[in-house]
Amino acid sequence: MHGLSEKSLRALAGARSFERGLSYLDAVSGVEVGDAWVTATVHGTERYEVKLVLDGTESVAGECDCPYGLEGNFCKHLVALGLTLLSQQEVLPEQRKAARDRAQDLDAWLSSLSEEDLLTLVREQITEDRQLRRRLELRAASARGDLAGVRARIRELLDISPFAQYGYVTYADARAYADQAGQTVSAITALTASGRATDAVALAREAMRLLADAVESVDDSDGWLGQLGAALADAHRDACLAARPDPVELAHWLVGHVLGDADDLTDIDPLDYEDVLGERGMAVLRELAVGAWRANRTGWAEKYLVERLARAGGDVDAVVAVHAADLAPNGRTHLVIAGELDTAGRSEEALSWAERALRDVRDLADVDTALIDYLCDRYTRAGRSREVVVLRRDHFGARRTLFAYQQLRAAARAAHCWQDERPGALALLRADAERPQGRRHIGPVLVDVLLDDRDTDTAWRAATETGADERQWLTLADQARADRPADALGVYLRLAEPLTRQTGNTVYEQLVSLLLSMRDCHRRLGTPDECTAYVTALRTAHKRKRNLMRLMDEHGL
């Protein structure tokens, strides 16, 4: 029980899973305690098998076959088991001893049986347990080298017919099908272990192909077949390591598989076969991959394979060539290439690719902003501050957003030329705002820009001429209140009026905030009686809004 506590369970699971685990305490059953492990069944959406590993140190680990647990997460079912153990700490030593005694008794009894008695027992079990019988039949065929029998049995195991209704395996039957199909991995592994690795390679490939065909007709929402596909891929690789097939043939198969539909299920990485392929096989693998990519330069799988092999081989030029063959119109691919070249220590070429993007992109408004940031960073580090300003100016001219303006301002200030740049930037926004089609979109940007510059008077005029939203008017009033309290008061009154017709605590908080600002305006104007009259009228009209009255009381209104 070292390391197991509510605190450690919460840390492992996170607050959400921990809280959800509290509601599953009554769903835990069949608890079995070992020397460093505990297993149980937890009944949730389905029946899940859970296991906690307590290694005698402060660490705790867990496994659960629910979808969330299979992704490596410490799920609510594990939380439920952990909390159950904490509530039963006093009896755990006794349970552990009982489990150990039962295991010893069973082993002693089996050891005492004669060969005939053991055979009788096994025959009884395979008569009652169809899955056990099938597993043993498969192992028997593997042991006697009956390749045709093993192949036929694997085809049966991967056949969806016994589980399919109208030709499709539903979610309710997917787990049972996956359990049956999973026996193929044991058969292939047994063939490798018994010295028939070459046969295992062939059967693993056939099984992967059959499984890829079957998955189209199975509701694999929980990912059982994905796990099986990964296990078949591991079995295939182990068989190849033992059999040492012809590297050229293996390279051809790997490329065909990775670029085919079956790889979505198995996710085979050709680089895992580098020891088997050797130099000759890897050369063929790269040649085939490049050939496939040249035939389909926009294919994602082809592109990824060539890039993966090139990067593993340290061939930066090949990686660049792959990306350069399919350049994104916004310059994003140019930036990826620049990153690859930077990593390889070729910074000048990287900069050249980034600058090329600006020439290739037709409209600077469409360019990836990360590319602009990259170039500005490179220019800044090289002391080319004026070029940063030019680039930020051009980008602002294309985008005309508050953020682009802020970036231009920061660059110009760093280059000590903001006083020269600001008039042009504002003139550009004003010209657009004066156009009928620009008033709606650019007018608010102009106001935001002026507010960000703390140029309140100019912002107020722009808001009056081109329009502003409620947020902007509120900011304007807050900034102008000290110098223009009468104007600010008019804004607050206008914003408060619609709120008086609404309900809800959030609305009340907004309204009270406006009232406090209005009170400050009246104080500056020397008209506190007008504020008192307004608040009194408001209280009289809305006295049934108890939360509003309480909030006004708290603020002395």
Protein backbone atom coordinates (compact mmCIF):
# COMPACT_ATOMS: atom_id res chain seq x y z
CA MET A 1 0.00 0.00 0.00
CA HIS A 2 3.07 2.28 -0.12
CA GLY A 3 2.28 5.42 -2.09
CA LEU A 4 -1.45 4.67 -2.33
CA SER A 5 -3.59 7.47 -0.90
CA GLU A 6 -6.46 9.69 -1.94
CA LYS A 7 -3.89 12.38 -2.68
CA SER A 8 -1.82 10.13 -4.95
CA LEU A 9 -4.94 8.83 -6.73
CA ARG A 10 -6.10 12.39 -7.39
CA ALA A 11 -2.64 13.32 -8.68
CA LEU A 12 -2.55 10.31 -11.00
CA ALA A 13 -6.09 10.63 -12.32
CA GLY A 14 -6.69 14.36 -12.23
CA ALA A 15 -9.58 16.06 -10.47
CA ARG A 16 -12.23 15.12 -13.05
CA SER A 17 -11.50 11.37 -13.20
CA PHE A 18 -11.03 11.25 -9.43
CA GLU A 19 -14.47 12.76 -8.80
CA ARG A 20 -16.07 10.43 -11.32
CA GLY A 21 -14.34 7.46 -9.68
CA LEU A 22 -16.16 8.21 -6.43
CA SER A 23 -19.44 7.16 -8.05
CA TYR A 24 -18.03 3.76 -9.07
CA LEU A 25 -17.19 2.40 -5.61
CA ASP A 26 -20.22 0.11 -5.64
CA ALA A 27 -19.28 -1.19 -9.09
CA VAL A 28 -16.03 -2.85 -7.93
CA SER A 29 -16.15 -6.62 -7.56
CA GLY A 30 -13.92 -9.68 -7.68
CA VAL A 31 -10.96 -8.06 -5.93
CA GLU A 32 -7.86 -10.29 -5.99
CA VAL A 33 -4.72 -9.31 -4.12
CA GLY A 34 -1.20 -10.41 -5.03
CA ASP A 35 2.20 -9.56 -3.59
CA ALA A 36 2.58 -6.37 -5.63
CA TRP A 37 -0.68 -6.13 -7.54
CA VAL A 38 -4.42 -6.01 -7.14
CA THR A 39 -6.97 -6.87 -9.81
CA ALA A 40 -10.73 -6.43 -9.93
CA THR A 41 -13.71 -6.01 -12.19
CA VAL A 42 -15.47 -2.65 -12.45
CA HIS A 43 -18.86 -2.50 -14.09
CA GLY A 44 -19.26 0.70 -16.11
CA THR A 45 -20.59 1.08 -19.64
CA GLU A 46 -19.16 -2.41 -20.01
CA ARG A 47 -17.37 -4.86 -17.75
CA TYR A 48 -13.78 -3.64 -17.37
CA GLU A 49 -10.76 -5.45 -15.94
CA VAL A 50 -8.51 -3.22 -13.83
CA LYS A 51 -5.12 -3.75 -12.23
CA LEU A 52 -3.15 -1.67 -9.76
CA VAL A 53 0.58 -2.31 -9.37
CA LEU A 54 2.08 -1.49 -5.97
CA ASP A 55 5.82 -2.11 -6.21
CA GLY A 56 6.66 -1.51 -2.56
CA THR A 57 8.00 2.00 -3.22
CA GLU A 58 6.10 5.27 -3.37
CA SER A 59 5.01 4.70 -6.99
CA VAL A 60 1.62 3.37 -8.09
CA ALA A 61 0.69 2.32 -11.62
CA GLY A 62 -2.52 1.08 -13.12
CA GLU A 63 -4.02 -0.62 -16.16
CA CYS A 64 -7.63 -0.71 -17.33
CA ASP A 65 -9.10 -2.01 -20.57
CA CYS A 66 -11.65 0.80 -20.89
CA PRO A 67 -11.06 3.09 -23.92
CA TYR A 68 -9.63 5.91 -21.77
CA GLY A 69 -7.38 3.52 -19.85
CA LEU A 70 -6.09 1.91 -23.04
CA GLU A 71 -4.71 5.31 -24.04
CA GLY A 72 -2.44 5.13 -21.00
CA ASN A 73 -4.58 7.24 -18.68
CA PHE A 74 -5.28 6.59 -15.01
CA CYS A 75 -9.07 6.30 -15.35
CA LYS A 76 -12.05 6.53 -13.01
CA HIS A 77 -12.22 2.71 -12.76
CA LEU A 78 -8.68 2.61 -11.35
CA VAL A 79 -9.62 5.38 -8.93
CA ALA A 80 -12.58 3.28 -7.77
CA LEU A 81 -10.33 0.25 -7.16
CA GLY A 82 -7.75 2.37 -5.34
CA LEU A 83 -10.37 3.89 -3.04
CA THR A 84 -11.81 0.43 -2.40
CA LEU A 85 -8.37 -0.78 -1.32
CA LEU A 86 -7.93 2.19 1.00
CA SER A 87 -11.22 1.34 2.68
CA GLN A 88 -10.13 -2.28 3.14
CA GLN A 89 -6.54 -1.81 4.32
CA GLU A 90 -7.06 -3.87 7.45
CA VAL A 91 -8.04 -7.02 5.56
CA LEU A 92 -5.59 -6.72 2.66
CA PRO A 93 -2.78 -8.77 4.27
CA GLU A 94 -5.27 -11.52 4.97
CA GLN A 95 -6.61 -11.40 1.41
CA ARG A 96 -3.08 -11.49 0.01
CA LYS A 97 -2.21 -14.52 2.12
CA ALA A 98 -5.42 -16.25 1.09
CA ALA A 99 -4.70 -15.63 -2.61
CA ARG A 100 -1.15 -16.94 -2.21
CA ASP A 101 -2.40 -20.03 -0.42
CA ARG A 102 -4.98 -20.71 -3.13
CA ALA A 103 -2.35 -20.43 -5.85
CA GLN A 104 -0.02 -22.79 -4.00
CA ASP A 105 -2.82 -25.26 -3.35
CA LEU A 106 -3.81 -25.23 -7.03
CA ASP A 107 -0.22 -25.71 -8.16
CA ALA A 108 0.30 -28.53 -5.69
CA TRP A 109 -2.89 -30.25 -6.81
CA LEU A 110 -2.00 -29.98 -10.50
CA SER A 111 1.49 -31.29 -9.78
CA SER A 112 0.01 -34.31 -8.01
CA LEU A 113 -2.12 -35.35 -10.99
CA SER A 114 -1.00 -38.06 -13.32
CA GLU A 115 -0.56 -37.41 -17.02
CA GLU A 116 -3.86 -39.14 -17.71
CA ASP A 117 -5.65 -37.07 -15.08
CA LEU A 118 -4.22 -33.84 -16.51
CA LEU A 119 -5.30 -34.85 -20.01
CA THR A 120 -8.78 -35.61 -18.74
CA LEU A 121 -8.92 -32.24 -17.07
CA VAL A 122 -7.78 -30.43 -20.22
CA ARG A 123 -10.27 -32.37 -22.34
CA GLU A 124 -13.07 -31.36 -20.01
CA GLN A 125 -12.06 -27.73 -20.24
CA ILE A 126 -11.82 -27.65 -24.03
CA THR A 127 -15.25 -29.29 -24.23
CA GLU A 128 -16.73 -26.48 -22.11
CA ASP A 129 -14.56 -23.57 -23.31
CA ARG A 130 -14.68 -23.09 -27.08
CA GLN A 131 -12.09 -20.28 -27.04
CA LEU A 132 -9.61 -22.46 -25.13
CA ARG A 133 -10.20 -25.32 -27.56
CA ARG A 134 -9.51 -23.08 -30.54
CA ARG A 135 -6.34 -21.70 -28.97
CA LEU A 136 -5.03 -25.19 -28.30
CA GLU A 137 -5.96 -26.39 -31.78
CA LEU A 138 -3.99 -23.53 -33.24
CA ARG A 139 -0.99 -24.21 -31.03
CA ALA A 140 -1.12 -27.87 -31.97
CA ALA A 141 -1.13 -27.05 -35.68
CA SER A 142 1.81 -24.70 -35.12
CA ALA A 143 3.74 -27.32 -33.15
CA ARG A 144 3.41 -30.00 -35.82
CA GLY A 145 4.33 -27.61 -38.61
CA ASP A 146 0.93 -27.76 -40.26
CA LEU A 147 1.21 -24.47 -42.11
CA ALA A 148 -1.93 -25.08 -44.15
CA GLY A 149 -3.83 -25.82 -40.97
CA VAL A 150 -2.53 -22.72 -39.22
CA ARG A 151 -3.37 -20.57 -42.25
CA ALA A 152 -6.88 -21.96 -42.42
CA ARG A 153 -7.36 -21.41 -38.70
CA ILE A 154 -6.12 -17.80 -38.91
CA ARG A 155 -8.58 -17.15 -41.71
CA GLU A 156 -11.36 -18.52 -39.51
CA LEU A 157 -10.29 -16.35 -36.59
CA LEU A 158 -10.35 -13.22 -38.72
CA ASP A 159 -13.66 -14.05 -40.40
CA ILE A 160 -16.37 -11.65 -39.22
CA SER A 161 -19.27 -13.90 -40.29
CA PRO A 162 -19.99 -15.48 -36.87
CA PHE A 163 -20.25 -12.02 -35.31
CA ALA A 164 -21.86 -10.04 -38.11
CA GLN A 165 -25.48 -9.15 -38.49
CA TYR A 166 -26.30 -8.18 -42.06
CA GLY A 167 -22.59 -8.30 -42.87
CA TYR A 168 -21.49 -5.87 -40.14
CA VAL A 169 -20.07 -6.34 -36.63
CA THR A 170 -21.80 -3.93 -34.27
CA TYR A 171 -20.19 -2.18 -31.30
CA ALA A 172 -21.69 -4.75 -28.91
CA ASP A 173 -19.90 -7.64 -30.67
CA ALA A 174 -16.65 -5.88 -31.60
CA ARG A 175 -14.85 -6.84 -28.36
CA ALA A 176 -15.71 -10.52 -28.76
CA TYR A 177 -14.51 -10.48 -32.38
CA ALA A 178 -11.27 -8.74 -31.37
CA ASP A 179 -10.65 -11.32 -28.61
CA GLN A 180 -11.04 -14.14 -31.11
CA ALA A 181 -8.97 -12.46 -33.80
CA GLY A 182 -6.24 -11.78 -31.25
CA GLN A 183 -5.41 -15.49 -31.16
CA THR A 184 -3.67 -15.03 -34.52
CA VAL A 185 -0.86 -13.14 -32.78
CA SER A 186 -0.21 -16.07 -30.44
CA ALA A 187 -0.09 -18.48 -33.38
CA ILE A 188 2.37 -16.35 -35.35
CA THR A 189 4.55 -15.82 -32.29
CA ALA A 190 4.54 -19.57 -31.62
CA LEU A 191 5.68 -20.28 -35.17
CA THR A 192 8.62 -17.91 -34.73
CA ALA A 193 9.55 -19.46 -31.40
CA SER A 194 9.44 -22.98 -32.84
CA GLY A 195 11.95 -22.19 -35.59
CA ARG A 196 9.52 -21.48 -38.44
CA ALA A 197 10.01 -17.73 -38.60
CA THR A 198 9.80 -17.63 -42.41
CA ASP A 199 6.31 -19.12 -42.24
CA ALA A 200 5.47 -16.64 -39.46
CA VAL A 201 6.46 -13.72 -41.72
CA ALA A 202 4.12 -14.90 -44.47
CA LEU A 203 1.23 -15.53 -42.09
CA ALA A 204 1.67 -12.18 -40.33
CA ARG A 205 1.40 -10.39 -43.66
CA GLU A 206 -1.68 -12.36 -44.60
CA ALA A 207 -3.27 -11.71 -41.22
CA MET A 208 -2.63 -7.96 -41.54
CA ARG A 209 -4.26 -7.96 -44.97
CA LEU A 210 -7.30 -9.91 -43.75
CA LEU A 211 -7.66 -7.66 -40.71
CA ALA A 212 -7.51 -4.54 -42.91
CA ASP A 213 -10.36 -5.99 -44.99
CA ALA A 214 -12.36 -6.89 -41.87
CA VAL A 215 -12.04 -3.51 -40.14
CA GLU A 216 -14.24 -1.89 -42.78
CA SER A 217 -17.12 -4.00 -41.48
CA VAL A 218 -16.53 -3.62 -37.73
CA ASP A 219 -17.58 -0.84 -35.36
CA ASP A 220 -14.15 -0.46 -33.74
CA SER A 221 -15.03 2.63 -31.69
CA ASP A 222 -12.96 1.41 -28.74
CA GLY A 223 -9.88 0.67 -30.86
CA TRP A 224 -9.60 -3.07 -30.20
CA LEU A 225 -8.65 -3.84 -33.81
CA GLY A 226 -6.09 -1.04 -33.75
CA GLN A 227 -4.39 -2.77 -30.84
CA LEU A 228 -4.52 -6.07 -32.70
CA GLY A 229 -3.01 -4.45 -35.79
CA ALA A 230 -0.12 -3.10 -33.71
CA ALA A 231 0.42 -6.54 -32.15
CA LEU A 232 0.51 -8.17 -35.60
CA ALA A 233 3.06 -5.58 -36.72
CA ASP A 234 5.26 -6.46 -33.72
CA ALA A 235 4.90 -10.18 -34.46
CA HIS A 236 5.90 -9.56 -38.08
CA ARG A 237 8.98 -7.62 -37.09
CA ASP A 238 10.05 -10.28 -34.58
CA ALA A 239 9.59 -12.94 -37.24
CA CYS A 240 11.71 -10.93 -39.70
CA LEU A 241 14.46 -10.53 -37.12
CA ALA A 242 14.53 -14.30 -36.72
CA ALA A 243 14.03 -15.30 -40.36
CA ARG A 244 16.24 -12.65 -41.99
CA PRO A 245 14.26 -12.51 -45.26
CA ASP A 246 15.72 -11.18 -48.50
CA PRO A 247 16.29 -7.45 -47.83
CA VAL A 248 15.21 -6.38 -51.33
CA GLU A 249 11.95 -8.32 -51.08
CA LEU A 250 11.36 -6.93 -47.58
CA ALA A 251 11.97 -3.37 -48.79
CA HIS A 252 9.41 -3.82 -51.56
CA TRP A 253 6.86 -5.22 -49.11
CA LEU A 254 7.43 -2.45 -46.56
CA VAL A 255 6.94 0.34 -49.08
CA GLY A 256 3.85 -1.32 -50.51
CA HIS A 257 2.40 -1.85 -47.04
CA VAL A 258 3.17 1.62 -45.70
CA LEU A 259 1.63 3.25 -48.76
CA GLY A 260 -1.38 0.94 -48.71
CA ASP A 261 -4.59 1.02 -46.72
CA ALA A 262 -3.53 -1.64 -44.20
CA ASP A 263 -0.94 0.64 -42.58
CA ASP A 264 -3.69 2.76 -41.05
CA LEU A 265 -4.25 -0.20 -38.75
CA THR A 266 -0.70 -1.44 -38.14
CA ASP A 267 1.32 1.81 -38.32
CA ILE A 268 4.53 0.02 -39.31
CA ASP A 269 7.69 2.14 -39.27
CA PRO A 270 10.17 0.89 -41.91
CA LEU A 271 13.05 2.22 -39.81
CA ASP A 272 12.25 -0.45 -37.23
CA TYR A 273 13.51 -2.97 -39.82
CA GLU A 274 16.86 -1.29 -40.39
CA ASP A 275 18.78 -4.16 -38.74
CA VAL A 276 17.09 -6.66 -41.04
CA LEU A 277 17.33 -4.58 -44.21
CA GLY A 278 21.01 -3.72 -43.85
CA GLU A 279 22.66 -1.20 -46.16
CA ARG A 280 21.42 -2.89 -49.32
CA GLY A 281 17.82 -3.10 -48.17
CA MET A 282 17.79 0.48 -46.85
CA ALA A 283 19.14 1.74 -50.18
CA VAL A 284 16.35 -0.07 -52.04
CA LEU A 285 13.82 1.19 -49.49
CA ARG A 286 14.87 4.80 -50.08
CA GLU A 287 14.88 4.32 -53.84
CA LEU A 288 11.38 2.86 -53.83
CA ALA A 289 10.08 5.55 -51.51
CA VAL A 290 11.48 8.34 -53.68
CA GLY A 291 10.02 6.68 -56.78
CA ALA A 292 6.58 6.46 -55.17
CA TRP A 293 6.80 10.11 -54.08
CA ARG A 294 7.82 11.31 -57.54
CA ALA A 295 4.82 9.49 -58.97
CA ASN A 296 2.52 11.20 -56.45
CA ARG A 297 4.17 14.31 -55.03
CA THR A 298 1.02 15.48 -53.24
CA GLY A 299 0.33 12.12 -51.56
CA TRP A 300 0.55 12.46 -47.79
CA ALA A 301 1.80 8.92 -47.17
CA GLU A 302 4.44 9.15 -49.91
CA LYS A 303 5.61 12.53 -48.69
CA TYR A 304 5.80 11.42 -45.06
CA LEU A 305 7.74 8.23 -45.93
CA VAL A 306 10.36 10.02 -48.00
CA GLU A 307 10.72 12.77 -45.42
CA ARG A 308 11.03 10.24 -42.59
CA LEU A 309 13.74 8.26 -44.37
CA ALA A 310 15.60 11.38 -45.45
CA ARG A 311 15.58 12.88 -41.96
CA ALA A 312 16.75 9.57 -40.44
CA GLY A 313 19.59 9.47 -42.93
CA GLY A 314 20.56 13.07 -42.24
CA ASP A 315 19.74 14.08 -45.84
CA VAL A 316 18.47 17.63 -45.28
CA ASP A 317 18.46 18.39 -49.00
CA ALA A 318 16.04 15.53 -49.60
CA VAL A 319 13.78 16.79 -46.81
CA VAL A 320 13.84 20.26 -48.37
CA ALA A 321 13.08 18.82 -51.80
CA VAL A 322 10.02 16.99 -50.45
CA HIS A 323 8.59 20.15 -48.92
CA ALA A 324 9.58 22.32 -51.89
CA ALA A 325 7.56 20.12 -54.23
CA ASP A 326 4.31 21.14 -52.54
CA LEU A 327 4.63 24.70 -51.27
CA ALA A 328 1.67 26.11 -49.36
CA PRO A 329 0.36 29.39 -50.86
CA ASN A 330 0.62 31.20 -47.49
CA GLY A 331 4.35 30.57 -47.02
CA ARG A 332 3.93 28.02 -44.25
CA THR A 333 5.98 25.39 -46.10
CA HIS A 334 8.77 27.88 -46.73
CA LEU A 335 8.93 28.38 -42.96
CA VAL A 336 9.12 24.62 -42.37
CA ILE A 337 12.01 24.41 -44.82
CA ALA A 338 13.73 27.31 -43.05
CA GLY A 339 13.37 25.46 -39.77
CA GLU A 340 14.95 22.30 -41.22
CA LEU A 341 17.87 24.31 -42.58
CA ASP A 342 18.32 26.17 -39.31
CA THR A 343 18.48 22.86 -37.46
CA ALA A 344 21.16 21.71 -39.89
CA GLY A 345 23.20 24.86 -39.21
CA ARG A 346 22.51 26.35 -42.65
CA SER A 347 21.03 29.64 -41.44
CA GLU A 348 21.72 31.71 -44.56
CA GLU A 349 19.85 29.24 -46.76
CA ALA A 350 17.06 29.24 -44.18
CA LEU A 351 16.76 33.01 -44.40
CA SER A 352 16.78 32.83 -48.18
CA TRP A 353 13.82 30.42 -48.15
CA ALA A 354 11.88 32.63 -45.76
CA GLU A 355 12.49 35.69 -47.93
CA ARG A 356 11.50 33.72 -51.01
CA ALA A 357 8.10 33.15 -49.39
CA LEU A 358 7.39 36.88 -49.49
CA ARG A 359 8.08 36.85 -53.21
CA ASP A 360 5.97 33.73 -53.79
CA VAL A 361 2.93 34.84 -51.77
CA ARG A 362 0.70 36.95 -53.98
CA ASP A 363 -1.07 38.84 -51.21
CA LEU A 364 0.75 39.74 -48.00
CA ALA A 365 -2.58 39.58 -46.19
CA ASP A 366 -2.58 35.82 -46.75
CA VAL A 367 0.96 35.16 -45.51
CA ASP A 368 1.44 33.05 -42.38
CA THR A 369 2.17 35.52 -39.57
CA ALA A 370 4.70 33.09 -38.11
CA LEU A 371 6.78 33.64 -41.24
CA ILE A 372 6.71 37.42 -40.70
CA ASP A 373 7.74 36.90 -37.07
CA TYR A 374 10.58 34.60 -38.17
CA LEU A 375 11.97 37.16 -40.62
CA CYS A 376 11.65 40.01 -38.13
CA ASP A 377 13.49 37.98 -35.52
CA ARG A 378 16.30 37.17 -37.97
CA TYR A 379 16.59 40.81 -39.06
CA THR A 380 16.58 42.03 -35.46
CA ARG A 381 19.37 39.67 -34.45
CA ALA A 382 21.37 40.85 -37.46
CA GLY A 383 20.89 44.50 -36.49
CA ARG A 384 18.68 45.20 -39.52
CA SER A 385 16.06 47.19 -37.60
CA ARG A 386 14.98 49.32 -40.54
CA GLU A 387 14.10 46.20 -42.54
CA VAL A 388 12.00 45.01 -39.60
CA VAL A 389 10.06 48.28 -39.73
CA VAL A 390 9.53 48.01 -43.49
CA LEU A 391 8.27 44.45 -43.16
CA ARG A 392 5.96 45.29 -40.26
CA ARG A 393 4.69 48.35 -42.18
CA ASP A 394 3.91 46.29 -45.27
CA HIS A 395 2.24 43.60 -43.18
CA PHE A 396 0.12 46.16 -41.37
CA GLY A 397 -0.83 47.71 -44.69
CA ALA A 398 -2.08 44.32 -45.86
CA ARG A 399 -3.78 43.24 -42.62
CA ARG A 400 -4.92 46.50 -40.99
CA THR A 401 -5.50 44.92 -37.58
CA LEU A 402 -4.79 46.19 -34.07
CA PHE A 403 -2.20 43.45 -33.54
CA ALA A 404 -0.37 44.30 -36.78
CA TYR A 405 -0.38 47.96 -35.69
CA GLN A 406 1.06 47.05 -32.28
CA GLN A 407 3.83 45.03 -33.96
CA LEU A 408 4.64 47.95 -36.27
CA ARG A 409 4.71 50.34 -33.31
CA ALA A 410 7.08 48.07 -31.33
CA ALA A 411 9.43 47.72 -34.32
CA ALA A 412 9.41 51.45 -35.08
CA ARG A 413 10.06 52.37 -31.46
CA ALA A 414 13.00 49.98 -31.39
CA ALA A 415 14.33 51.71 -34.50
CA HIS A 416 13.55 55.16 -33.01
CA CYS A 417 11.26 56.15 -35.88
CA TRP A 418 7.73 55.74 -34.51
CA GLN A 419 6.97 59.45 -34.81
CA ASP A 420 7.61 59.15 -38.54
CA GLU A 421 5.66 55.90 -38.98
CA ARG A 422 2.54 56.61 -36.93
CA PRO A 423 0.98 59.32 -39.14
CA GLY A 424 1.14 57.09 -42.21
CA ALA A 425 -0.38 54.12 -40.41
CA LEU A 426 -3.26 56.22 -39.05
CA ALA A 427 -3.82 57.88 -42.42
CA LEU A 428 -4.17 54.45 -44.00
CA LEU A 429 -6.84 53.45 -41.48
CA ARG A 430 -8.68 56.77 -41.81
CA ALA A 431 -8.77 56.54 -45.59
CA ASP A 432 -10.29 53.08 -45.40
CA ALA A 433 -12.72 54.06 -42.65
CA GLU A 434 -14.06 56.90 -44.76
CA ARG A 435 -15.06 54.54 -47.54
CA PRO A 436 -18.64 53.17 -47.21
CA GLN A 437 -17.48 49.56 -47.36
CA GLY A 438 -14.63 50.20 -44.92
CA ARG A 439 -16.56 52.02 -42.22
CA ARG A 440 -17.96 48.84 -40.68
CA HIS A 441 -14.68 46.91 -40.54
CA ILE A 442 -11.89 49.49 -40.40
CA GLY A 443 -13.68 52.12 -38.29
CA PRO A 444 -13.58 49.99 -35.11
CA VAL A 445 -9.92 49.14 -35.80
CA LEU A 446 -9.07 52.82 -36.00
CA VAL A 447 -10.77 53.43 -32.66
CA ASP A 448 -8.96 50.47 -31.05
CA VAL A 449 -5.63 51.67 -32.39
CA LEU A 450 -6.14 55.17 -30.99
CA LEU A 451 -7.30 53.80 -27.65
CA ASP A 452 -4.22 51.58 -27.54
CA ASP A 453 -2.12 54.67 -28.13
CA ARG A 454 -3.99 56.40 -25.27
CA ASP A 455 -4.92 59.15 -27.74
CA THR A 456 -8.33 59.61 -26.17
CA ASP A 457 -9.43 62.85 -27.84
CA THR A 458 -8.63 61.61 -31.33
CA ALA A 459 -10.23 58.26 -30.55
CA TRP A 460 -13.40 60.03 -29.40
CA ARG A 461 -13.62 61.97 -32.66
CA ALA A 462 -13.02 58.79 -34.68
CA ALA A 463 -15.71 56.94 -32.73
CA THR A 464 -18.16 59.77 -33.39
CA GLU A 465 -17.32 59.92 -37.09
CA THR A 466 -16.88 56.24 -37.99
CA GLY A 467 -18.78 54.52 -35.18
CA ALA A 468 -17.74 52.37 -32.22
CA ASP A 469 -19.14 49.40 -30.33
CA GLU A 470 -20.21 49.39 -26.66
CA ARG A 471 -16.89 48.02 -25.46
CA GLN A 472 -15.02 50.83 -27.20
CA TRP A 473 -17.38 53.52 -25.92
CA LEU A 474 -16.95 52.22 -22.37
CA THR A 475 -13.16 52.31 -22.71
CA LEU A 476 -13.38 55.81 -24.18
CA ALA A 477 -15.53 56.99 -21.28
CA ASP A 478 -13.17 55.45 -18.73
CA GLN A 479 -10.15 57.11 -20.34
CA ALA A 480 -11.88 60.50 -20.80
CA ARG A 481 -13.71 60.68 -17.44
CA ALA A 482 -11.10 62.80 -15.70
CA ASP A 483 -10.98 65.48 -18.41
CA ARG A 484 -14.41 65.16 -20.00
CA PRO A 485 -16.76 63.99 -17.26
CA ALA A 486 -19.91 65.30 -18.98
CA ASP A 487 -19.16 63.35 -22.18
CA ALA A 488 -18.26 60.24 -20.18
CA LEU A 489 -21.50 60.55 -18.17
CA GLY A 490 -23.54 60.56 -21.38
CA VAL A 491 -21.89 57.32 -22.46
CA TYR A 492 -22.49 55.64 -19.08
CA LEU A 493 -26.16 56.65 -19.10
CA ARG A 494 -26.62 55.31 -22.62
CA LEU A 495 -24.96 51.98 -21.76
CA ALA A 496 -26.88 51.62 -18.48
CA GLU A 497 -30.34 52.14 -19.94
CA PRO A 498 -30.72 48.75 -21.70
CA LEU A 499 -29.23 46.94 -18.68
CA THR A 500 -32.06 48.19 -16.47
CA ARG A 501 -34.48 46.10 -18.54
CA GLN A 502 -32.48 42.89 -18.06
CA THR A 503 -31.97 40.48 -15.18
CA GLY A 504 -29.17 38.24 -13.95
CA ASN A 505 -26.22 38.67 -11.63
CA THR A 506 -23.78 39.39 -14.45
CA VAL A 507 -26.05 42.17 -15.71
CA TYR A 508 -26.36 43.56 -12.18
CA GLU A 509 -22.59 43.67 -11.76
CA GLN A 510 -22.22 45.56 -15.06
CA LEU A 511 -24.96 47.99 -14.09
CA VAL A 512 -23.46 48.72 -10.66
CA SER A 513 -20.05 49.30 -12.24
CA LEU A 514 -21.63 51.88 -14.54
CA LEU A 515 -23.41 53.50 -11.61
CA LEU A 516 -20.13 53.89 -9.76
CA SER A 517 -18.57 55.53 -12.83
CA MET A 518 -21.60 57.81 -13.16
CA ARG A 519 -21.25 58.82 -9.50
CA ASP A 520 -17.62 59.76 -10.11
CA CYS A 521 -18.64 61.89 -13.12
CA HIS A 522 -21.28 63.74 -11.04
CA ARG A 523 -18.70 64.32 -8.32
CA ARG A 524 -16.32 65.88 -10.86
CA LEU A 525 -19.18 67.97 -12.30
CA GLY A 526 -20.38 69.07 -8.85
CA THR A 527 -23.86 67.56 -9.37
CA PRO A 528 -24.09 64.82 -6.71
CA ASP A 529 -27.82 65.49 -6.20
CA GLU A 530 -28.53 64.45 -9.77
CA CYS A 531 -26.74 61.16 -9.13
CA THR A 532 -28.75 60.60 -5.95
CA ALA A 533 -32.00 61.27 -7.80
CA TYR A 534 -31.06 58.82 -10.60
CA VAL A 535 -30.12 56.08 -8.13
CA THR A 536 -33.27 56.64 -6.06
CA ALA A 537 -35.45 56.36 -9.13
CA LEU A 538 -33.64 53.23 -10.17
CA ARG A 539 -34.15 51.64 -6.73
CA THR A 540 -37.85 52.48 -6.77
CA ALA A 541 -38.40 51.01 -10.22
CA HIS A 542 -36.40 47.81 -9.60
CA LYS A 543 -36.81 47.13 -5.90
CA ARG A 544 -37.94 43.55 -6.59
CA LYS A 545 -34.52 42.71 -7.99
CA ARG A 546 -33.14 41.70 -4.63
CA ASN A 547 -29.66 40.79 -5.86
CA LEU A 548 -29.36 44.16 -7.56
CA MET A 549 -30.47 45.95 -4.39
CA ARG A 550 -27.99 43.96 -2.31
CA LEU A 551 -25.15 44.77 -4.71
CA MET A 552 -26.03 48.47 -4.70
CA ASP A 553 -26.07 48.43 -0.89
CA GLU A 554 -22.62 46.86 -0.79
CA HIS A 555 -21.26 49.74 -2.90
CA GLY A 556 -23.07 52.50 -1.05
CA LEU A 557 -25.43 53.33 -3.90
